[in-house]
PDB file of N, CA and C in Angstrom:
ATOM      1  N   MET A   1      -3.506  -9.945  -2.287  1.00  0.00           N
ATOM      2  CA  MET A   1      -3.684  -9.059  -1.620  1.00  0.00           C
ATOM      3  C   MET A   1      -4.343  -8.635  -0.468  1.00  0.00           C
ATOM      4  N   LYS A   2      -3.471  -7.566   0.142  1.00  0.00           N
ATOM      5  CA  LYS A   2      -4.124  -7.331   1.445  1.00  0.00           C
ATOM      6  C   LYS A   2      -4.536  -5.765   1.592  1.00  0.00           C
ATOM      7  N   PHE A   3      -5.222  -5.135   2.223  1.00  0.00           N
ATOM      8  CA  PHE A   3      -5.637  -3.795   2.523  1.00  0.00           C
ATOM      9  C   PHE A   3      -4.847  -3.226   3.598  1.00  0.00           C
ATOM     10  N   ALA A   4      -4.246  -2.078   3.122  1.00  0.00           N
ATOM     11  CA  ALA A   4      -3.662  -1.443   4.161  1.00  0.00           C
ATOM     12  C   ALA A   4      -3.865   0.190   4.076  1.00  0.00           C
ATOM     13  N   LYS A   5      -3.475   1.010   5.165  1.00  0.00           N
ATOM     14  CA  LYS A   5      -3.891   2.288   5.000  1.00  0.00           C
ATOM     15  C   LYS A   5      -2.383   3.081   5.193  1.00  0.00           C
ATOM     16  N   VAL A   6      -1.873   4.165   4.038  1.00  0.00           N
ATOM     17  CA  VAL A   6      -1.004   4.846   3.984  1.00  0.00           C
ATOM     18  C   VAL A   6      -0.402   5.879   5.105  1.00  0.00           C
ATOM     19  N   ILE A   7       0.441   5.421   5.943  1.00  0.00           N
ATOM     20  CA  ILE A   7       0.509   6.162   7.317  1.00  0.00           C
ATOM     21  C   ILE A   7       1.841   7.452   7.137  1.00  0.00           C
ATOM     22  N   GLY A   8       3.068   7.268   6.502  1.00  0.00           N
ATOM     23  CA  GLY A   8       3.856   7.996   6.016  1.00  0.00           C
ATOM     24  C   GLY A   8       4.888   7.946   5.044  1.00  0.00           C
ATOM     25  N   ASN A   9       5.783   7.898   4.828  1.00  0.00           N
ATOM     26  CA  ASN A   9       6.904   7.850   3.732  1.00  0.00           C
ATOM     27  C   ASN A   9       8.357   7.984   4.382  1.00  0.00           C
ATOM     28  N   VAL A  10       9.120   7.076   3.554  1.00  0.00           N
ATOM     29  CA  VAL A  10      10.597   7.061   4.028  1.00  0.00           C
ATOM     30  C   VAL A  10      11.510   7.719   2.808  1.00  0.00           C
ATOM     31  N   VAL A  11      12.051   8.371   3.272  1.00  0.00           N
ATOM     32  CA  VAL A  11      13.339   9.216   2.351  1.00  0.00           C
ATOM     33  C   VAL A  11      14.784   8.536   2.520  1.00  0.00           C
ATOM     34  N   CYS A  12      14.853   8.122   1.513  1.00  0.00           N
ATOM     35  CA  CYS A  12      16.732   7.478   1.530  1.00  0.00           C
ATOM     36  C   CYS A  12      17.306   8.277   0.686  1.00  0.00           C
ATOM     37  N   THR A  13      18.625   9.176   0.590  1.00  0.00           N
ATOM     38  CA  THR A  13      19.353   9.432   0.335  1.00  0.00           C
ATOM     39  C   THR A  13      20.167   8.311  -0.379  1.00  0.00           C
ATOM     40  N   GLN A  14      20.681   7.116   0.027  1.00  0.00           N
ATOM     41  CA  GLN A  14      21.450   6.396  -0.738  1.00  0.00           C
ATOM     42  C   GLN A  14      20.935   5.041  -0.863  1.00  0.00           C
ATOM     43  N   LYS A  15      20.646   4.512  -2.011  1.00  0.00           N
ATOM     44  CA  LYS A  15      20.127   3.401  -1.625  1.00  0.00           C
ATOM     45  C   LYS A  15      20.579   2.449  -3.371  1.00  0.00           C
ATOM     46  N   ASP A  16      20.604   1.373  -3.119  1.00  0.00           N
ATOM     47  CA  ASP A  16      20.974   0.359  -4.211  1.00  0.00           C
ATOM     48  C   ASP A  16      20.864   0.536  -5.589  1.00  0.00           C
ATOM     49  N   GLU A  17      21.545   0.789  -6.357  1.00  0.00           N
ATOM     50  CA  GLU A  17      21.439   1.224  -7.750  1.00  0.00           C
ATOM     51  C   GLU A  17      19.746   0.593  -8.305  1.00  0.00           C
ATOM     52  N   ASN A  18      19.302  -0.614  -7.960  1.00  0.00           N
ATOM     53  CA  ASN A  18      18.227  -1.015  -8.362  1.00  0.00           C
ATOM     54  C   ASN A  18      16.782  -0.308  -7.712  1.00  0.00           C
ATOM     55  N   CYS A  19      17.243   0.538  -7.108  1.00  0.00           N
ATOM     56  CA  CYS A  19      16.219   0.492  -6.235  1.00  0.00           C
ATOM     57  C   CYS A  19      16.156   2.320  -6.523  1.00  0.00           C
ATOM     58  N   VAL A  20      16.861   2.730  -7.086  1.00  0.00           N
ATOM     59  CA  VAL A  20      16.858   4.318  -7.052  1.00  0.00           C
ATOM     60  C   VAL A  20      15.743   4.663  -8.235  1.00  0.00           C
ATOM     61  N   GLY A  21      14.711   5.971  -7.817  1.00  0.00           N
ATOM     62  CA  GLY A  21      13.478   6.158  -8.083  1.00  0.00           C
ATOM     63  C   GLY A  21      12.262   5.748  -7.594  1.00  0.00           C
ATOM     64  N   TRP A  22      12.618   4.662  -6.582  1.00  0.00           N
ATOM     65  CA  TRP A  22      11.433   4.428  -6.113  1.00  0.00           C
ATOM     66  C   TRP A  22      10.873   5.076  -4.781  1.00  0.00           C
ATOM     67  N   LYS A  23       9.423   5.308  -4.760  1.00  0.00           N
ATOM     68  CA  LYS A  23       8.834   6.182  -3.821  1.00  0.00           C
ATOM     69  C   LYS A  23       8.688   5.269  -2.798  1.00  0.00           C
ATOM     70  N   LEU A  24       8.755   4.739  -1.563  1.00  0.00           N
ATOM     71  CA  LEU A  24       8.858   4.367  -0.320  1.00  0.00           C
ATOM     72  C   LEU A  24       7.739   4.935   0.627  1.00  0.00           C
ATOM     73  N   LEU A  25       7.274   4.207   0.611  1.00  0.00           N
ATOM     74  CA  LEU A  25       5.744   4.710   1.616  1.00  0.00           C
ATOM     75  C   LEU A  25       5.301   3.595   3.160  1.00  0.00           C
ATOM     76  N   ILE A  26       5.027   4.154   4.151  1.00  0.00           N
ATOM     77  CA  ILE A  26       5.419   3.439   5.259  1.00  0.00           C
ATOM     78  C   ILE A  26       3.358   2.582   5.280  1.00  0.00           C
ATOM     79  N   ILE A  27       3.221   1.650   5.458  1.00  0.00           N
ATOM     80  CA  ILE A  27       1.606   1.195   5.414  1.00  0.00           C
ATOM     81  C   ILE A  27       1.337   0.429   6.849  1.00  0.00           C
ATOM     82  N   GLN A  28       0.135   0.741   6.931  1.00  0.00           N
ATOM     83  CA  GLN A  28      -0.368  -0.087   8.463  1.00  0.00           C
ATOM     84  C   GLN A  28      -1.312  -0.939   7.389  1.00  0.00           C
ATOM     85  N   PRO A  29      -1.191  -2.308   8.051  1.00  0.00           N
ATOM     86  CA  PRO A  29      -2.216  -3.137   7.486  1.00  0.00           C
ATOM     87  C   PRO A  29      -3.294  -3.032   7.987  1.00  0.00           C
ATOM     88  N   VAL A  30      -4.819  -3.018   7.430  1.00  0.00           N
ATOM     89  CA  VAL A  30      -5.932  -3.124   7.982  1.00  0.00           C
ATOM     90  C   VAL A  30      -6.927  -4.171   8.125  1.00  0.00           C
ATOM     91  N   ASP A  31      -7.419  -4.339   8.810  1.00  0.00           N
ATOM     92  CA  ASP A  31      -8.492  -5.619   8.544  1.00  0.00           C
ATOM     93  C   ASP A  31     -10.171  -4.612   7.841  1.00  0.00           C
ATOM     94  N   LEU A  32     -11.223  -5.458   7.598  1.00  0.00           N
ATOM     95  CA  LEU A  32     -12.349  -5.317   6.612  1.00  0.00           C
ATOM     96  C   LEU A  32     -13.004  -4.243   7.413  1.00  0.00           C
ATOM     97  N   GLU A  33     -12.830  -4.191   8.491  1.00  0.00           N
ATOM     98  CA  GLU A  33     -13.305  -2.793   9.504  1.00  0.00           C
ATOM     99  C   GLU A  33     -12.633  -1.915   9.491  1.00  0.00           C
ATOM    100  N   LEU A  34     -11.554  -1.441   8.914  1.00  0.00           N
ATOM    101  CA  LEU A  34     -10.062  -0.622   8.691  1.00  0.00           C
ATOM    102  C   LEU A  34      -9.920  -0.348  10.038  1.00  0.00           C
ATOM    103  N   LYS A  35      -9.919  -0.935  10.626  1.00  0.00           N
ATOM    104  CA  LYS A  35      -8.718  -1.464  11.788  1.00  0.00           C
ATOM    105  C   LYS A  35      -7.520  -2.179  11.942  1.00  0.00           C
ATOM    106  N   PRO A  36      -6.248  -1.311  12.114  1.00  0.00           N
ATOM    107  CA  PRO A  36      -4.941  -1.934  12.241  1.00  0.00           C
ATOM    108  C   PRO A  36      -5.162  -3.401  12.328  1.00  0.00           C
ATOM    109  N   LYS A  37      -4.334  -3.889  11.772  1.00  0.00           N
ATOM    110  CA  LYS A  37      -4.099  -5.393  11.938  1.00  0.00           C
ATOM    111  C   LYS A  37      -2.465  -5.819  11.713  1.00  0.00           C
ATOM    112  N   GLY A  38      -1.810  -6.115  12.693  1.00  0.00           N
ATOM    113  CA  GLY A  38      -0.355  -6.137  12.172  1.00  0.00           C
ATOM    114  C   GLY A  38       0.531  -5.434  12.538  1.00  0.00           C
ATOM    115  N   GLU A  39       1.745  -5.453  11.933  1.00  0.00           N
ATOM    116  CA  GLU A  39       2.601  -4.547  12.099  1.00  0.00           C
ATOM    117  C   GLU A  39       3.028  -3.680  10.633  1.00  0.00           C
ATOM    118  N   THR A  40       3.246  -2.479  10.679  1.00  0.00           N
ATOM    119  CA  THR A  40       3.488  -1.589   9.826  1.00  0.00           C
ATOM    120  C   THR A  40       4.466  -2.230   8.995  1.00  0.00           C
ATOM    121  N   LEU A  41       4.835  -1.782   7.868  1.00  0.00           N
ATOM    122  CA  LEU A  41       5.481  -2.223   6.959  1.00  0.00           C
ATOM    123  C   LEU A  41       5.930  -1.046   5.914  1.00  0.00           C
ATOM    124  N   VAL A  42       7.179  -0.957   5.396  1.00  0.00           N
ATOM    125  CA  VAL A  42       7.982  -0.247   4.250  1.00  0.00           C
ATOM    126  C   VAL A  42       7.117  -1.084   2.695  1.00  0.00           C
ATOM    127  N   ALA A  43       6.585  -0.185   1.565  1.00  0.00           N
ATOM    128  CA  ALA A  43       6.384  -0.407   0.887  1.00  0.00           C
ATOM    129  C   ALA A  43       6.501   0.307  -0.836  1.00  0.00           C
ATOM    130  N   VAL A  44       7.280  -0.361  -1.857  1.00  0.00           N
ATOM    131  CA  VAL A  44       7.182   0.548  -2.418  1.00  0.00           C
ATOM    132  C   VAL A  44       6.182   0.770  -3.667  1.00  0.00           C
ATOM    133  N   ASP A  45       5.803   2.027  -3.673  1.00  0.00           N
ATOM    134  CA  ASP A  45       4.663   2.437  -4.821  1.00  0.00           C
ATOM    135  C   ASP A  45       4.819   2.520  -5.769  1.00  0.00           C
ATOM    136  N   ALA A  46       3.858   1.774  -6.430  1.00  0.00           N
ATOM    137  CA  ALA A  46       3.675   1.385  -7.694  1.00  0.00           C
ATOM    138  C   ALA A  46       2.926   1.973  -8.409  1.00  0.00           C
ATOM    139  N   VAL A  47       1.896   2.622  -8.053  1.00  0.00           N
ATOM    140  CA  VAL A  47       0.662   3.599  -8.268  1.00  0.00           C
ATOM    141  C   VAL A  47       0.138   4.854  -7.767  1.00  0.00           C
ATOM    142  N   GLY A  48       1.396   5.594  -7.039  1.00  0.00           N
ATOM    143  CA  GLY A  48       1.032   7.024  -7.143  1.00  0.00           C
ATOM    144  C   GLY A  48       0.370   7.172  -5.429  1.00  0.00           C
ATOM    145  N   ALA A  49       0.266   6.327  -4.662  1.00  0.00           N
ATOM    146  CA  ALA A  49      -0.817   6.416  -3.632  1.00  0.00           C
ATOM    147  C   ALA A  49       0.187   7.675  -2.850  1.00  0.00           C
ATOM    148  N   GLY A  50      -1.010   8.179  -1.833  1.00  0.00           N
ATOM    149  CA  GLY A  50      -0.901   8.985  -1.013  1.00  0.00           C
ATOM    150  C   GLY A  50      -1.094   9.196   0.618  1.00  0.00           C
ATOM    151  N   ASP A  51      -0.731   9.733   1.531  1.00  0.00           N
ATOM    152  CA  ASP A  51      -1.175   9.656   2.762  1.00  0.00           C
ATOM    153  C   ASP A  51      -2.420   9.524   3.224  1.00  0.00           C
ATOM    154  N   GLY A  52      -2.641   9.189   3.977  1.00  0.00           N
ATOM    155  CA  GLY A  52      -4.332   8.428   4.396  1.00  0.00           C
ATOM    156  C   GLY A  52      -5.116   7.442   3.468  1.00  0.00           C
ATOM    157  N   GLU A  53      -4.582   7.558   2.275  1.00  0.00           N
ATOM    158  CA  GLU A  53      -5.394   6.442   1.617  1.00  0.00           C
ATOM    159  C   GLU A  53      -5.418   5.007   1.603  1.00  0.00           C
ATOM    160  N   LEU A  54      -6.651   4.280   1.396  1.00  0.00           N
ATOM    161  CA  LEU A  54      -6.709   2.777   1.518  1.00  0.00           C
ATOM    162  C   LEU A  54      -5.988   2.155   0.215  1.00  0.00           C
ATOM    163  N   VAL A  55      -4.947   1.447   0.496  1.00  0.00           N
ATOM    164  CA  VAL A  55      -4.262   0.395  -0.836  1.00  0.00           C
ATOM    165  C   VAL A  55      -4.729  -0.825  -0.621  1.00  0.00           C
ATOM    166  N   LEU A  56      -4.263  -1.448  -1.614  1.00  0.00           N
ATOM    167  CA  LEU A  56      -3.879  -3.213  -1.822  1.00  0.00           C
ATOM    168  C   LEU A  56      -2.625  -3.038  -1.866  1.00  0.00           C
ATOM    169  N   PHE A  57      -2.108  -4.178  -0.976  1.00  0.00           N
ATOM    170  CA  PHE A  57      -0.395  -4.118  -0.942  1.00  0.00           C
ATOM    171  C   PHE A  57      -0.402  -6.111  -1.397  1.00  0.00           C
ATOM    172  N   VAL A  58       1.056  -6.292  -1.856  1.00  0.00           N
ATOM    173  CA  VAL A  58       1.295  -7.618  -1.832  1.00  0.00           C
ATOM    174  C   VAL A  58       2.584  -7.752  -1.514  1.00  0.00           C
ATOM    175  N   SER A  59       3.015  -9.027  -1.122  1.00  0.00           N
ATOM    176  CA  SER A  59       4.383  -9.009  -0.718  1.00  0.00           C
ATOM    177  C   SER A  59       5.041 -10.200  -1.064  1.00  0.00           C
ATOM    178  N   GLY A  60       6.482 -10.254  -0.951  1.00  0.00           N
ATOM    179  CA  GLY A  60       6.996 -11.735  -0.765  1.00  0.00           C
ATOM    180  C   GLY A  60       7.308 -11.834  -2.573  1.00  0.00           C
ATOM    181  N   SER A  61       7.073 -13.093  -3.353  1.00  0.00           N
ATOM    182  CA  SER A  61       7.476 -12.966  -4.685  1.00  0.00           C
ATOM    183  C   SER A  61       6.869 -12.212  -5.547  1.00  0.00           C
ATOM    184  N   SER A  62       5.488 -11.828  -5.120  1.00  0.00           N
ATOM    185  CA  SER A  62       4.496 -11.810  -5.853  1.00  0.00           C
ATOM    186  C   SER A  62       4.655  -9.605  -5.972  1.00  0.00           C
ATOM    187  N   ALA A  63       5.482  -9.340  -5.026  1.00  0.00           N
ATOM    188  CA  ALA A  63       5.883  -8.092  -5.030  1.00  0.00           C
ATOM    189  C   ALA A  63       6.858  -7.810  -6.188  1.00  0.00           C
ATOM    190  N   ARG A  64       7.367  -8.717  -7.057  1.00  0.00           N
ATOM    191  CA  ARG A  64       8.689  -8.640  -7.769  1.00  0.00           C
ATOM    192  C   ARG A  64       7.578  -8.694  -9.378  1.00  0.00           C
ATOM    193  N   GLN A  65       6.619  -8.427  -9.426  1.00  0.00           N
ATOM    194  CA  GLN A  65       5.656  -8.608 -10.708  1.00  0.00           C
ATOM    195  C   GLN A  65       5.314  -7.310 -10.913  1.00  0.00           C
ATOM    196  N   THR A  66       5.233  -6.189 -10.743  1.00  0.00           N
ATOM    197  CA  THR A  66       5.452  -5.045 -11.237  1.00  0.00           C
ATOM    198  C   THR A  66       5.938  -4.401 -12.397  1.00  0.00           C
ATOM    199  N   ASP A  67       5.647  -3.370 -13.246  1.00  0.00           N
ATOM    200  CA  ASP A  67       6.732  -3.103 -14.174  1.00  0.00           C
ATOM    201  C   ASP A  67       8.099  -1.991 -12.989  1.00  0.00           C
ATOM    202  N   VAL A  68       7.594  -1.564 -11.941  1.00  0.00           N
ATOM    203  CA  VAL A  68       8.173  -0.756 -11.162  1.00  0.00           C
ATOM    204  C   VAL A  68       9.407  -1.795 -10.460  1.00  0.00           C
ATOM    205  N   THR A  69       9.160  -2.680 -10.312  1.00  0.00           N
ATOM    206  CA  THR A  69       9.764  -3.846  -9.250  1.00  0.00           C
ATOM    207  C   THR A  69      10.109  -5.050  -9.529  1.00  0.00           C
ATOM    208  N   LYS A  70       9.867  -5.301 -10.927  1.00  0.00           N
ATOM    209  CA  LYS A  70      10.041  -6.434 -11.708  1.00  0.00           C
ATOM    210  C   LYS A  70      11.683  -7.255 -11.736  1.00  0.00           C
ATOM    211  N   ASN A  71      12.150  -8.036 -11.132  1.00  0.00           N
ATOM    212  CA  ASN A  71      13.363  -8.695 -10.832  1.00  0.00           C
ATOM    213  C   ASN A  71      14.080  -7.377  -9.993  1.00  0.00           C
ATOM    214  N   LYS A  72      13.742  -6.888  -8.834  1.00  0.00           N
ATOM    215  CA  LYS A  72      14.517  -6.307  -7.970  1.00  0.00           C
ATOM    216  C   LYS A  72      14.446  -6.433  -6.930  1.00  0.00           C
ATOM    217  N   PRO A  73      14.852  -5.632  -5.628  1.00  0.00           N
ATOM    218  CA  PRO A  73      14.958  -6.545  -4.692  1.00  0.00           C
ATOM    219  C   PRO A  73      13.598  -5.802  -3.908  1.00  0.00           C
ATOM    220  N   CYS A  74      12.856  -6.291  -4.100  1.00  0.00           N
ATOM    221  CA  CYS A  74      11.573  -6.081  -3.196  1.00  0.00           C
ATOM    222  C   CYS A  74      10.656  -6.532  -2.681  1.00  0.00           C
ATOM    223  N   ASP A  75      10.328  -6.495  -1.279  1.00  0.00           N
ATOM    224  CA  ASP A  75       9.482  -7.587  -0.688  1.00  0.00           C
ATOM    225  C   ASP A  75       7.845  -7.024  -0.574  1.00  0.00           C
ATOM    226  N   CYS A  76       7.706  -5.950  -0.779  1.00  0.00           N
ATOM    227  CA  CYS A  76       6.295  -5.398  -0.311  1.00  0.00           C
ATOM    228  C   CYS A  76       5.836  -4.068  -1.588  1.00  0.00           C
ATOM    229  N   VAL A  77       4.835  -4.185  -2.194  1.00  0.00           N
ATOM    230  CA  VAL A  77       4.614  -3.232  -3.055  1.00  0.00           C
ATOM    231  C   VAL A  77       2.996  -2.844  -2.885  1.00  0.00           C
ATOM    232  N   ILE A  78       3.030  -1.729  -3.125  1.00  0.00           N
ATOM    233  CA  ILE A  78       1.629  -1.350  -3.373  1.00  0.00           C
ATOM    234  C   ILE A  78       1.018  -1.470  -4.946  1.00  0.00           C
ATOM    235  N   ALA A  79       0.206  -2.090  -5.019  1.00  0.00           N
ATOM    236  CA  ALA A  79      -0.522  -2.478  -6.256  1.00  0.00           C
ATOM    237  C   ALA A  79      -1.895  -1.601  -6.698  1.00  0.00           C
ATOM    238  N   ALA A  80      -2.206  -1.145  -5.876  1.00  0.00           N
ATOM    239  CA  ALA A  80      -3.836  -0.645  -6.145  1.00  0.00           C
ATOM    240  C   ALA A  80      -3.674   0.628  -5.108  1.00  0.00           C
ATOM    241  N   ILE A  81      -4.832   1.338  -5.242  1.00  0.00           N
ATOM    242  CA  ILE A  81      -5.501   2.436  -4.546  1.00  0.00           C
ATOM    243  C   ILE A  81      -6.907   2.271  -4.495  1.00  0.00           C
ATOM    244  N   VAL A  82      -7.511   1.916  -3.525  1.00  0.00           N
ATOM    245  CA  VAL A  82      -8.960   1.790  -3.307  1.00  0.00           C
ATOM    246  C   VAL A  82      -9.900   2.668  -3.369  1.00  0.00           C
ATOM    247  N   ASP A  83     -10.946   2.569  -4.100  1.00  0.00           N
ATOM    248  CA  ASP A  83     -12.191   3.494  -4.204  1.00  0.00           C
ATOM    249  C   ASP A  83     -13.410   3.478  -3.383  1.00  0.00           C
ATOM    250  N   THR A  84     -13.853   1.789  -3.553  1.00  0.00           N
ATOM    251  CA  THR A  84     -14.623   1.542  -2.842  1.00  0.00           C
ATOM    252  C   THR A  84     -14.449  -0.001  -2.605  1.00  0.00           C
ATOM    253  N   VAL A  85     -15.446  -0.632  -1.259  1.00  0.00           N
ATOM    254  CA  VAL A  85     -15.372  -1.810  -1.046  1.00  0.00           C
ATOM    255  C   VAL A  85     -17.013  -1.880  -0.681  1.00  0.00           C
ATOM    256  N   GLU A  86     -17.345  -3.156  -1.298  1.00  0.00           N
ATOM    257  CA  GLU A  86     -18.437  -3.414  -1.003  1.00  0.00           C
ATOM    258  C   GLU A  86     -18.390  -5.073  -0.332  1.00  0.00           C
ATOM    259  N   LYS A  87     -19.093  -5.186   0.748  1.00  0.00           N
ATOM    260  CA  LYS A  87     -19.284  -6.768   1.186  1.00  0.00           C
ATOM    261  C   LYS A  87     -20.775  -6.894   1.476  1.00  0.00           C
ATOM    262  N   GLU A  88     -20.954  -8.173   1.196  1.00  0.00           N
ATOM    263  CA  GLU A  88     -22.629  -8.754   1.035  1.00  0.00           C
ATOM    264  C   GLU A  88     -23.599  -7.086   0.728  1.00  0.00           C
ATOM    265  N   GLY A  89     -23.109  -7.102  -0.537  1.00  0.00           N
ATOM    266  CA  GLY A  89     -24.361  -5.865  -0.651  1.00  0.00           C
ATOM    267  C   GLY A  89     -24.296  -4.478  -0.122  1.00  0.00           C
ATOM    268  N   ASP A  90     -23.098  -4.748   0.821  1.00  0.00           N
ATOM    269  CA  ASP A  90     -23.339  -2.810   1.579  1.00  0.00           C
ATOM    270  C   ASP A  90     -21.617  -2.450   1.289  1.00  0.00           C
ATOM    271  N   ILE A  91     -21.784  -1.105   0.790  1.00  0.00           N
ATOM    272  CA  ILE A  91     -20.664  -0.401   0.764  1.00  0.00           C
ATOM    273  C   ILE A  91     -20.076  -0.118   2.047  1.00  0.00           C
ATOM    274  N   ILE A  92     -18.534  -0.703   2.237  1.00  0.00           N
ATOM    275  CA  ILE A  92     -18.147  -0.956   3.415  1.00  0.00           C
ATOM    276  C   ILE A  92     -16.786   0.670   3.642  1.00  0.00           C
ATOM    277  N   PHE A  93     -16.705   0.893   2.275  1.00  0.00           N
ATOM    278  CA  PHE A  93     -15.712   1.849   2.291  1.00  0.00           C
ATOM    279  C   PHE A  93     -15.997   2.503   0.850  1.00  0.00           C
ATOM    280  N   LYS A  94     -15.639   3.886   0.876  1.00  0.00           N
ATOM    281  CA  LYS A  94     -16.134   4.782   0.017  1.00  0.00           C
ATOM    282  C   LYS A  94     -14.897   5.727  -0.234  1.00  0.00           C
ATOM    283  N   LYS A  95     -14.014   6.262  -0.960  1.00  0.00           N
ATOM    284  CA  LYS A  95     -12.855   7.105  -0.816  1.00  0.00           C
ATOM    285  C   LYS A  95     -13.444   8.529  -0.720  1.00  0.00           C
ATOM    286  N   PHE A  96     -12.743   9.317   0.022  1.00  0.00           N
ATOM    287  CA  PHE A  96     -13.418  10.102   0.523  1.00  0.00           C
ATOM    288  C   PHE A  96     -14.413  10.175   1.544  1.00  0.00           C
ATOM    289  N   GLU A  97     -15.333   9.305   1.588  1.00  0.00           N
ATOM    290  CA  GLU A  97     -16.510   9.138   2.394  1.00  0.00           C
ATOM    291  C   GLU A  97     -17.111   8.682   3.530  1.00  0.00           C
ATOM    292  N   THR A  98     -15.479   7.542   3.681  1.00  0.00           N
ATOM    293  CA  THR A  98     -15.595   6.864   4.966  1.00  0.00           C
ATOM    294  C   THR A  98     -15.431   7.988   6.242  1.00  0.00           C
ATOM    295  N   GLU A  99     -16.334   7.986   6.828  1.00  0.00           N
ATOM    296  CA  GLU A  99     -16.087   8.801   8.058  1.00  0.00           C
ATOM    297  C   GLU A  99     -14.928   7.817   8.841  1.00  0.00           C
ATOM    298  N   GLY A 100     -13.826   9.137   9.589  1.00  0.00           N
ATOM    299  CA  GLY A 100     -12.751   8.921  10.093  1.00  0.00           C
ATOM    300  C   GLY A 100     -11.972   8.300   9.692  1.00  0.00           C
ATOM    301  N   TYR A 101     -11.894   8.311   8.553  1.00  0.00           N
ATOM    302  CA  TYR A 101     -10.679   7.590   7.666  1.00  0.00           C
ATOM    303  C   TYR A 101     -10.227   9.123   6.651  1.00  0.00           C
ATOM    304  N   ARG A 102      -9.057   8.919   6.399  1.00  0.00           N
ATOM    305  CA  ARG A 102      -8.261   9.870   5.908  1.00  0.00           C
ATOM    306  C   ARG A 102      -7.413  11.213   6.773  1.00  0.00           C
TER     307      ARG A 102
END
């Protein structure tokens, strides 16, 4: 799993029948300092994430392991919404309290 920030959404009026009902979000992978890391991705939202939230995502074959994406053509899925990140005893992220986030 990797960290990312939700930065937008994608709307598709026509898609493969295996993808109908999917909410697609644009995510920006981030490092532990919450700084952008790598290219943006489009991910299936399996947990109800929203704009500006810190999430955990998986890609590759792991992306097809959620109830929403099982055995479907998916390469990236949001698997969790992050509430708190603690590193070496210090809280480095707390939802709605991290300065400059959201």
